[in-house]
Amino acid sequence: MSGPAQKLRMFLYNLKCDAVFLLGHIVPREKGLWVFGSWFGLKYWGNSRFFYEYVRRNHPEIRAVWLTRNPLVLHYLLEHGYEVYDAHSFKAVMLTLRAECCCISHNLYDINEYAGGALPVIQLRRGTPFLYVEAGEHRLKKGFFHTFRKWMRFPLYKECINHWRREFVIASSEKVKSIYEQYFRVPSANIAVTGYPRTDMLYHHNRLASSVQEKLDLIHAENGYAGIYVPHDDCESFINRADSINAELKKARITLFLKFYVRPSTENLNKLKFLSNIAIIPDDCVNDDVFPLLPSMDFFLTDYASMFLDFLLLGKPVLFTPFEKSLSFFYEYDDVAPGKKIAAWQDLVPTLKAVVSNPQEYEAQRERVCAEFHAFRDSQSCKRVFDSVIAYLKEV
């Protein structure tokens, strides 16, 4: 398509989106209609998923609707009898315009970015903030002229996605709440310390069936050890040494399960395919959520993935590969990383062997950090989130 034609098409699309966005400010809300989404509409997992399933199970008075852009997620949820729609379908747009609120993990792209612009947002988050990011600067400028300039921008709906909107945020502790207040400029009254819905899974005995869970059960039945490695970077240095690391892991009867934040190249993934003691947790849009697997892991290894803070609830060892300490964090890294620090890959397996033979080491430090980041240690986070949302919606 030529340049002018493409620009015209984009202009008309944005014009349509702005019209729907403005319509959302006048359409009456339907009490008890909540729309859910996660990971930019592409995945069915995380806090959004577990809270959605809790609401469906326990609160029939709430019409819980999942919105997605992913046909695989759509098909999966339809098969399981859930109410789900393509996020950009006419039905989804109409439901979003009328919804009482939306429950998301990232931003409005989780549901429908233009129809949801006027909704009260229940921000369930994807985890505890750990790596420092610039946030909240848009909230610093106030006043009539600043607001007027924003309303004059085009397309208008995009301004609402990451900027001004009614947002209610959940946190796992007062320490985390202070981060949202200080760096993300969320008013204290709009933050509830409830715990994260996904951590409820750490206390449930009804594990989700999966090939990874079957492998974990087999490893423990044969008196082996299993741990999860969640690198925040592309893991290339680890992959280049995977063969030698795998040989050492095999001798130690330790299996390492990898869950990538940044998906490596196909070439690098192929290097890991046929290793006996290094396994990749599949990148599946509906069944790759690792939280149901964590209770079966003997340790958690990472560089900077904040998921280790939730793993602390299990009371098991955490280890760190802080090779890139030049990054910025919301906290002093060494103060909140209660476990062995691995300085080089040749030290990995000897350190893992020491950890599985003496899991009590660093127990006091883990307990201290866990208490700082988790106000609750139970399976009631979903209930607390629900009660907090109901109270918030009465105020808006």
Protein backbone atom coordinates (compact mmCIF):
# COMPACT_ATOMS: atom_id res chain seq x y z
CA MET A 1 0.00 0.00 0.00
CA SER A 2 1.38 3.42 -0.96
CA GLY A 3 2.43 6.01 1.64
CA PRO A 4 -0.55 8.41 1.30
CA ALA A 5 -3.04 5.54 1.22
CA GLN A 6 -1.47 4.00 4.31
CA LYS A 7 -1.62 7.33 6.13
CA LEU A 8 -5.27 7.79 5.18
CA ARG A 9 -6.12 4.30 6.38
CA MET A 10 -4.36 4.92 9.69
CA PHE A 11 -6.09 8.29 10.08
CA LEU A 12 -9.53 6.72 9.57
CA TYR A 13 -8.69 3.88 11.97
CA ASN A 14 -7.57 6.32 14.67
CA LEU A 15 -10.66 8.45 14.06
CA LYS A 16 -12.86 5.39 14.62
CA CYS A 17 -10.93 4.48 17.77
CA ASP A 18 -11.28 7.99 19.18
CA ALA A 19 -15.02 7.93 18.52
CA VAL A 20 -15.35 4.66 20.47
CA PHE A 21 -13.09 6.02 23.21
CA LEU A 22 -15.27 9.10 23.65
CA LEU A 23 -18.40 6.95 23.55
CA GLY A 24 -17.03 5.06 26.52
CA HIS A 25 -17.38 8.20 28.64
CA ILE A 26 -21.15 8.40 28.16
CA VAL A 27 -22.33 4.77 27.89
CA PRO A 28 -23.92 3.64 31.20
CA ARG A 29 -21.97 1.02 33.13
CA GLU A 30 -23.44 -2.39 33.89
CA LYS A 31 -22.87 -3.31 37.52
CA GLY A 32 -21.24 -6.71 37.88
CA LEU A 33 -19.80 -6.87 34.34
CA TRP A 34 -16.00 -7.20 34.54
CA VAL A 35 -13.67 -7.70 31.59
CA PHE A 36 -10.29 -9.40 31.98
CA GLY A 37 -7.12 -9.67 29.93
CA SER A 38 -3.37 -10.16 30.25
CA TRP A 39 -0.04 -9.80 28.47
CA PHE A 40 -1.27 -7.43 25.74
CA GLY A 41 -4.14 -9.78 24.96
CA LEU A 42 -1.82 -12.58 23.88
CA LYS A 43 -1.66 -14.94 26.86
CA TYR A 44 -3.88 -16.54 29.46
CA TRP A 45 -1.78 -16.55 32.58
CA GLY A 46 -0.50 -14.63 35.58
CA ASN A 47 -2.49 -12.67 38.12
CA SER A 48 -5.27 -11.92 35.63
CA ARG A 49 -5.85 -15.61 34.93
CA PHE A 50 -5.95 -16.76 38.53
CA PHE A 51 -8.15 -13.88 39.64
CA TYR A 52 -10.49 -14.46 36.69
CA GLU A 53 -10.86 -18.14 37.58
CA TYR A 54 -11.44 -17.28 41.24
CA VAL A 55 -14.21 -14.82 40.36
CA ARG A 56 -15.87 -17.36 38.07
CA ARG A 57 -15.77 -20.07 40.74
CA ASN A 58 -16.83 -18.03 43.73
CA HIS A 59 -18.90 -15.07 42.55
CA PRO A 60 -21.74 -15.94 40.18
CA GLU A 61 -23.10 -12.42 40.69
CA ILE A 62 -20.15 -11.16 38.60
CA ARG A 63 -20.20 -11.67 34.84
CA ALA A 64 -16.50 -12.30 34.20
CA VAL A 65 -15.52 -12.00 30.52
CA TRP A 66 -12.06 -12.70 29.09
CA LEU A 67 -10.87 -10.72 26.05
CA THR A 68 -7.98 -11.86 23.85
CA ARG A 69 -6.26 -11.20 20.53
CA ASN A 70 -4.89 -14.73 20.38
CA PRO A 71 -6.98 -17.38 18.53
CA LEU A 72 -5.32 -20.14 20.58
CA VAL A 73 -6.44 -18.56 23.85
CA LEU A 74 -9.90 -17.97 22.41
CA HIS A 75 -10.23 -21.63 21.40
CA TYR A 76 -8.85 -22.91 24.72
CA LEU A 77 -11.29 -20.90 26.84
CA LEU A 78 -14.27 -21.69 24.63
CA GLU A 79 -13.43 -25.40 24.99
CA HIS A 80 -13.47 -24.99 28.77
CA GLY A 81 -16.84 -23.25 28.77
CA TYR A 82 -15.62 -19.74 29.63
CA GLU A 83 -17.13 -16.56 28.24
CA VAL A 84 -14.42 -15.20 25.96
CA TYR A 85 -14.35 -12.97 22.87
CA ASP A 86 -11.89 -11.66 20.36
CA ALA A 87 -10.80 -8.31 21.82
CA HIS A 88 -11.62 -6.37 18.65
CA SER A 89 -14.91 -8.04 17.83
CA PHE A 90 -18.09 -5.98 17.96
CA LYS A 91 -19.30 -8.01 20.95
CA ALA A 92 -16.08 -7.35 22.87
CA VAL A 93 -16.21 -3.63 22.14
CA MET A 94 -19.82 -3.37 23.34
CA LEU A 95 -19.08 -5.35 26.51
CA THR A 96 -16.03 -3.22 27.25
CA LEU A 97 -17.97 0.02 26.80
CA ARG A 98 -20.56 -1.17 29.33
CA ALA A 99 -18.23 -2.91 31.79
CA GLU A 100 -18.02 -1.83 35.41
CA CYS A 101 -14.23 -2.28 35.38
CA CYS A 102 -11.37 -4.09 33.67
CA CYS A 103 -8.78 -6.34 35.35
CA ILE A 104 -5.41 -6.36 33.57
CA SER A 105 -1.73 -7.18 34.07
CA HIS A 106 0.00 -4.68 31.77
CA ASN A 107 -2.06 -1.94 30.10
CA LEU A 108 -5.25 -1.46 28.12
CA TYR A 109 -3.84 -3.49 25.22
CA ASP A 110 -4.63 -6.47 27.48
CA ILE A 111 -8.30 -5.93 26.61
CA ASN A 112 -9.27 -3.29 24.06
CA GLU A 113 -7.18 -0.13 24.07
CA TYR A 114 -9.81 2.24 22.69
CA ALA A 115 -13.04 0.86 24.14
CA GLY A 116 -11.55 0.57 27.63
CA GLY A 117 -10.21 4.09 27.92
CA ALA A 118 -12.90 5.30 30.32
CA LEU A 119 -12.98 2.19 32.51
CA PRO A 120 -11.81 1.98 36.11
CA VAL A 121 -8.65 -0.12 35.76
CA ILE A 122 -7.85 -2.87 38.25
CA GLN A 123 -4.09 -3.19 37.77
CA LEU A 124 -3.16 -6.69 38.94
CA ARG A 125 0.43 -6.30 37.74
CA ARG A 126 2.68 -9.01 36.35
CA GLY A 127 4.87 -9.09 39.45
CA THR A 128 6.75 -6.98 41.96
CA PRO A 129 8.70 -4.04 40.46
CA PHE A 130 12.41 -4.88 40.69
CA LEU A 131 14.44 -3.49 37.79
CA TYR A 132 14.16 0.28 37.79
CA VAL A 133 12.15 1.81 34.97
CA GLU A 134 11.17 5.39 34.40
CA ALA A 135 7.59 5.65 35.54
CA GLY A 136 4.95 8.13 36.45
CA GLU A 137 6.54 11.19 34.88
CA HIS A 138 3.27 11.88 33.07
CA ARG A 139 1.56 12.23 36.43
CA LEU A 140 3.86 15.02 37.57
CA LYS A 141 2.43 17.69 35.27
CA LYS A 142 -0.97 18.93 36.28
CA GLY A 143 -3.19 21.89 35.68
CA PHE A 144 -5.73 23.07 33.14
CA PHE A 145 -3.39 23.83 30.23
CA HIS A 146 -1.51 20.54 30.50
CA THR A 147 -4.80 18.62 30.59
CA PHE A 148 -6.19 20.68 27.69
CA ARG A 149 -3.14 19.92 25.53
CA LYS A 150 -3.57 16.20 26.13
CA TRP A 151 -7.21 16.31 25.09
CA MET A 152 -6.19 18.08 21.87
CA ARG A 153 -3.80 15.31 20.80
CA PHE A 154 -4.64 12.83 18.07
CA PRO A 155 -5.27 9.98 18.32
CA LEU A 156 -6.73 10.71 21.71
CA TYR A 157 -7.29 7.11 22.83
CA LYS A 158 -3.55 6.37 22.85
CA GLU A 159 -3.05 9.01 25.53
CA CYS A 160 -5.14 6.97 27.96
CA ILE A 161 -3.24 3.69 27.56
CA ASN A 162 -0.24 4.57 29.72
CA HIS A 163 -1.21 7.97 31.05
CA TRP A 164 -4.20 9.46 32.85
CA ARG A 165 -6.84 6.97 33.89
CA ARG A 166 -8.62 5.72 36.99
CA GLU A 167 -6.32 3.00 38.25
CA PHE A 168 -6.50 0.74 41.28
CA VAL A 169 -3.31 -1.20 41.99
CA ILE A 170 -2.64 -4.24 44.16
CA ALA A 171 0.58 -4.75 46.10
CA SER A 172 2.05 -7.59 48.11
CA SER A 173 3.32 -5.49 51.04
CA GLU A 174 3.72 -1.96 52.37
CA LYS A 175 7.26 -1.91 50.93
CA VAL A 176 5.93 -2.60 47.44
CA LYS A 177 3.10 -0.12 47.95
CA SER A 178 5.66 2.60 48.66
CA ILE A 179 7.33 1.88 45.30
CA TYR A 180 4.03 2.42 43.48
CA GLU A 181 3.51 5.67 45.37
CA GLN A 182 7.03 7.02 44.92
CA TYR A 183 7.96 5.92 41.40
CA PHE A 184 4.65 5.24 39.67
CA ARG A 185 2.79 8.17 41.26
CA VAL A 186 -0.21 6.07 42.24
CA PRO A 187 -2.19 7.72 45.08
CA SER A 188 -2.00 5.78 48.33
CA ALA A 189 -5.80 5.47 48.47
CA ASN A 190 -5.70 3.63 45.13
CA ILE A 191 -3.32 0.90 46.31
CA ALA A 192 -4.44 -2.14 48.29
CA VAL A 193 -2.04 -4.51 50.03
CA THR A 194 -3.67 -7.84 49.22
CA GLY A 195 -1.00 -10.19 47.91
CA TYR A 196 -0.94 -11.44 44.32
CA PRO A 197 -3.58 -13.86 42.99
CA ARG A 198 -0.90 -16.04 41.43
CA THR A 199 0.71 -16.79 44.80
CA ASP A 200 -2.46 -18.61 45.86
CA MET A 201 -1.27 -21.37 43.54
CA LEU A 202 1.73 -21.97 45.80
CA TYR A 203 -0.61 -23.24 48.50
CA HIS A 204 -2.96 -25.32 46.37
CA HIS A 205 -2.61 -29.08 46.20
CA ASN A 206 -4.61 -29.46 42.98
CA ARG A 207 -1.68 -29.05 40.58
CA LEU A 208 -2.28 -28.43 36.90
CA ALA A 209 -1.57 -31.42 34.69
CA SER A 210 1.31 -30.85 32.29
CA SER A 211 4.24 -32.69 30.75
CA VAL A 212 6.62 -30.59 32.85
CA GLN A 213 4.81 -31.55 36.07
CA GLU A 214 4.99 -35.22 35.08
CA LYS A 215 8.74 -34.91 34.55
CA LEU A 216 9.15 -33.18 37.91
CA ASP A 217 7.26 -35.97 39.66
CA LEU A 218 9.48 -38.57 37.98
CA ILE A 219 12.68 -36.75 38.98
CA HIS A 220 11.66 -36.66 42.63
CA ALA A 221 10.48 -40.28 42.53
CA GLU A 222 14.02 -41.21 41.48
CA ASN A 223 15.52 -39.11 44.31
CA GLY A 224 16.80 -36.42 42.00
CA TYR A 225 16.61 -32.65 42.34
CA ALA A 226 14.94 -30.07 40.14
CA GLY A 227 15.17 -26.31 39.99
CA ILE A 228 14.01 -23.50 37.77
CA TYR A 229 16.25 -20.96 36.04
CA VAL A 230 14.53 -17.72 35.02
CA PRO A 231 17.04 -15.41 33.31
CA HIS A 232 16.02 -11.86 32.56
CA ASP A 233 18.43 -11.55 29.62
CA ASP A 234 18.79 -13.69 26.49
CA CYS A 235 20.86 -16.32 28.35
CA GLU A 236 23.40 -16.65 25.52
CA SER A 237 26.41 -17.12 27.79
CA PHE A 238 24.64 -19.98 29.56
CA ILE A 239 23.58 -21.61 26.28
CA ASN A 240 27.14 -21.51 24.94
CA ARG A 241 28.23 -23.61 27.94
CA ALA A 242 25.13 -25.79 28.08
CA ASP A 243 26.83 -29.05 27.07
CA SER A 244 29.42 -28.95 29.84
CA ILE A 245 26.88 -27.69 32.40
CA ASN A 246 24.50 -30.50 31.43
CA ALA A 247 27.20 -33.13 31.97
CA GLU A 248 27.87 -31.81 35.47
CA LEU A 249 24.15 -31.62 36.27
CA LYS A 250 23.70 -35.24 35.22
CA LYS A 251 26.42 -36.41 37.61
CA ALA A 252 24.81 -34.40 40.41
CA ARG A 253 21.28 -35.76 39.64
CA ILE A 254 20.02 -32.21 39.20
CA THR A 255 17.68 -31.12 36.40
CA LEU A 256 17.43 -27.45 35.49
CA PHE A 257 14.19 -26.16 33.94
CA LEU A 258 14.53 -22.95 31.91
CA LYS A 259 11.86 -20.28 31.60
CA PHE A 260 12.92 -17.41 29.37
CA TYR A 261 11.88 -13.78 29.69
CA VAL A 262 13.59 -13.02 26.39
CA ARG A 263 13.16 -15.83 23.90
CA PRO A 264 16.56 -16.90 22.49
CA SER A 265 17.17 -17.37 18.78
CA THR A 266 16.05 -20.62 17.15
CA GLU A 267 19.70 -21.56 16.75
CA ASN A 268 20.31 -21.21 20.49
CA LEU A 269 17.11 -23.06 21.38
CA ASN A 270 18.23 -25.96 19.20
CA LYS A 271 21.41 -26.25 21.28
CA LEU A 272 19.25 -27.09 24.31
CA LYS A 273 16.84 -29.50 22.65
CA PHE A 274 18.37 -32.88 23.40
CA LEU A 275 20.11 -32.29 26.73
CA SER A 276 19.27 -34.79 29.45
CA ASN A 277 19.32 -32.48 32.48
CA ILE A 278 18.40 -29.12 31.00
CA ALA A 279 14.78 -28.71 29.92
CA ILE A 280 12.87 -25.77 28.48
CA ILE A 281 9.44 -24.95 29.88
CA PRO A 282 7.40 -24.54 26.66
CA ASP A 283 6.39 -21.08 25.52
CA ASP A 284 2.67 -21.77 25.43
CA CYS A 285 0.09 -19.00 25.56
CA VAL A 286 -2.18 -20.92 27.97
CA ASN A 287 -0.19 -23.65 29.71
CA ASP A 288 3.26 -22.18 30.33
CA ASP A 289 2.52 -20.32 33.55
CA VAL A 290 5.23 -21.54 35.90
CA PHE A 291 3.50 -20.77 39.21
CA PRO A 292 1.70 -24.12 39.47
CA LEU A 293 5.13 -25.76 38.97
CA LEU A 294 7.03 -23.83 41.63
CA PRO A 295 6.04 -25.99 44.63
CA SER A 296 7.75 -28.93 42.89
CA MET A 297 11.02 -27.03 42.41
CA ASP A 298 13.86 -27.46 44.91
CA PHE A 299 15.48 -24.09 44.16
CA PHE A 300 15.06 -20.93 42.09
CA LEU A 301 17.92 -19.49 40.01
CA THR A 302 17.81 -16.07 38.37
CA ASP A 303 19.72 -12.92 37.60
CA TYR A 304 17.09 -10.21 38.14
CA ALA A 305 13.63 -11.75 37.60
CA SER A 306 11.46 -10.58 40.50
CA MET A 307 9.59 -13.89 40.51
CA PHE A 308 12.12 -15.14 43.07
CA LEU A 309 10.42 -12.86 45.62
CA ASP A 310 7.26 -14.95 45.31
CA PHE A 311 9.26 -18.19 45.42
CA LEU A 312 10.45 -17.12 48.88
CA LEU A 313 6.96 -17.98 50.16
CA LEU A 314 7.88 -21.65 49.73
CA GLY A 315 10.86 -21.33 52.09
CA LYS A 316 13.24 -22.89 49.57
CA PRO A 317 16.68 -21.70 48.36
CA VAL A 318 17.14 -18.96 45.80
CA LEU A 319 20.40 -18.37 43.91
CA PHE A 320 21.61 -15.54 41.73
CA THR A 321 23.75 -14.96 38.65
CA PRO A 322 24.25 -11.16 38.87
CA PHE A 323 26.66 -10.85 35.97
CA GLU A 324 25.27 -7.43 34.91
CA LYS A 325 25.26 -5.44 38.14
CA SER A 326 25.41 -2.11 36.25
CA LEU A 327 21.61 -2.21 35.96
CA SER A 328 19.46 -0.05 38.22
CA PHE A 329 17.05 -1.48 40.76
CA PHE A 330 14.28 -0.18 42.99
CA TYR A 331 16.14 -1.71 45.95
CA GLU A 332 19.72 -2.41 46.98
CA TYR A 333 20.29 -5.67 45.11
CA ASP A 334 22.37 -7.44 47.76
CA ASP A 335 19.89 -6.49 50.50
CA VAL A 336 16.98 -8.24 48.79
CA ALA A 337 18.78 -11.17 47.12
CA PRO A 338 19.05 -13.69 49.98
CA GLY A 339 21.11 -16.49 48.52
CA LYS A 340 24.40 -17.54 46.99
CA LYS A 341 25.77 -15.33 44.20
CA ILE A 342 27.38 -17.26 41.34
CA ALA A 343 30.31 -15.35 39.85
CA ALA A 344 30.99 -17.59 36.82
CA TRP A 345 29.26 -20.46 35.03
CA GLN A 346 31.92 -22.97 36.08
CA ASP A 347 30.75 -22.37 39.66
CA LEU A 348 27.10 -23.12 38.87
CA VAL A 349 26.82 -26.86 39.47
CA PRO A 350 29.13 -27.00 42.51
CA THR A 351 26.99 -24.24 44.05
CA LEU A 352 23.75 -26.07 43.21
CA LYS A 353 25.11 -29.25 44.81
CA ALA A 354 25.92 -27.33 47.98
CA VAL A 355 22.46 -25.76 48.03
CA VAL A 356 20.45 -28.98 47.62
CA SER A 357 22.56 -30.69 50.29
CA ASN A 358 22.07 -27.80 52.73
CA PRO A 359 18.85 -25.92 51.87
CA GLN A 360 18.76 -24.27 55.32
CA GLU A 361 21.68 -21.97 54.50
CA TYR A 362 20.49 -18.36 54.11
CA GLU A 363 17.19 -19.34 55.75
CA ALA A 364 17.20 -16.32 58.09
CA GLN A 365 17.95 -13.94 55.21
CA ARG A 366 15.18 -15.46 53.10
CA GLU A 367 12.73 -15.09 55.95
CA ARG A 368 13.65 -11.42 56.40
CA VAL A 369 13.20 -10.55 52.72
CA CYS A 370 10.00 -12.58 52.46
CA ALA A 371 8.52 -10.66 55.39
CA GLU A 372 9.41 -7.36 53.68
CA PHE A 373 7.74 -8.28 50.39
CA HIS A 374 4.77 -10.34 51.57
CA ALA A 375 2.27 -9.11 54.12
CA PHE A 376 0.34 -12.39 53.79
CA ARG A 377 1.40 -16.02 53.48
CA ASP A 378 -1.76 -17.88 52.64
CA SER A 379 -4.05 -18.82 49.76
CA GLN A 380 -6.47 -15.92 50.28
CA SER A 381 -4.97 -13.25 48.01
CA CYS A 382 -7.73 -13.60 45.40
CA LYS A 383 -10.36 -13.10 48.10
CA ARG A 384 -8.61 -9.99 49.41
CA VAL A 385 -8.27 -8.59 45.88
CA PHE A 386 -11.97 -9.18 45.23
CA ASP A 387 -13.04 -7.50 48.46
CA SER A 388 -10.75 -4.54 47.73
CA VAL A 389 -12.09 -4.16 44.19
CA ILE A 390 -15.69 -4.17 45.42
CA ALA A 391 -14.84 -1.47 47.97
CA TYR A 392 -13.03 0.60 45.33
CA LEU A 393 -15.87 0.40 42.82
CA LYS A 394 -18.26 1.77 45.43
CA GLU A 395 -16.10 4.90 45.59
CA VAL A 396 -15.63 5.64 41.87
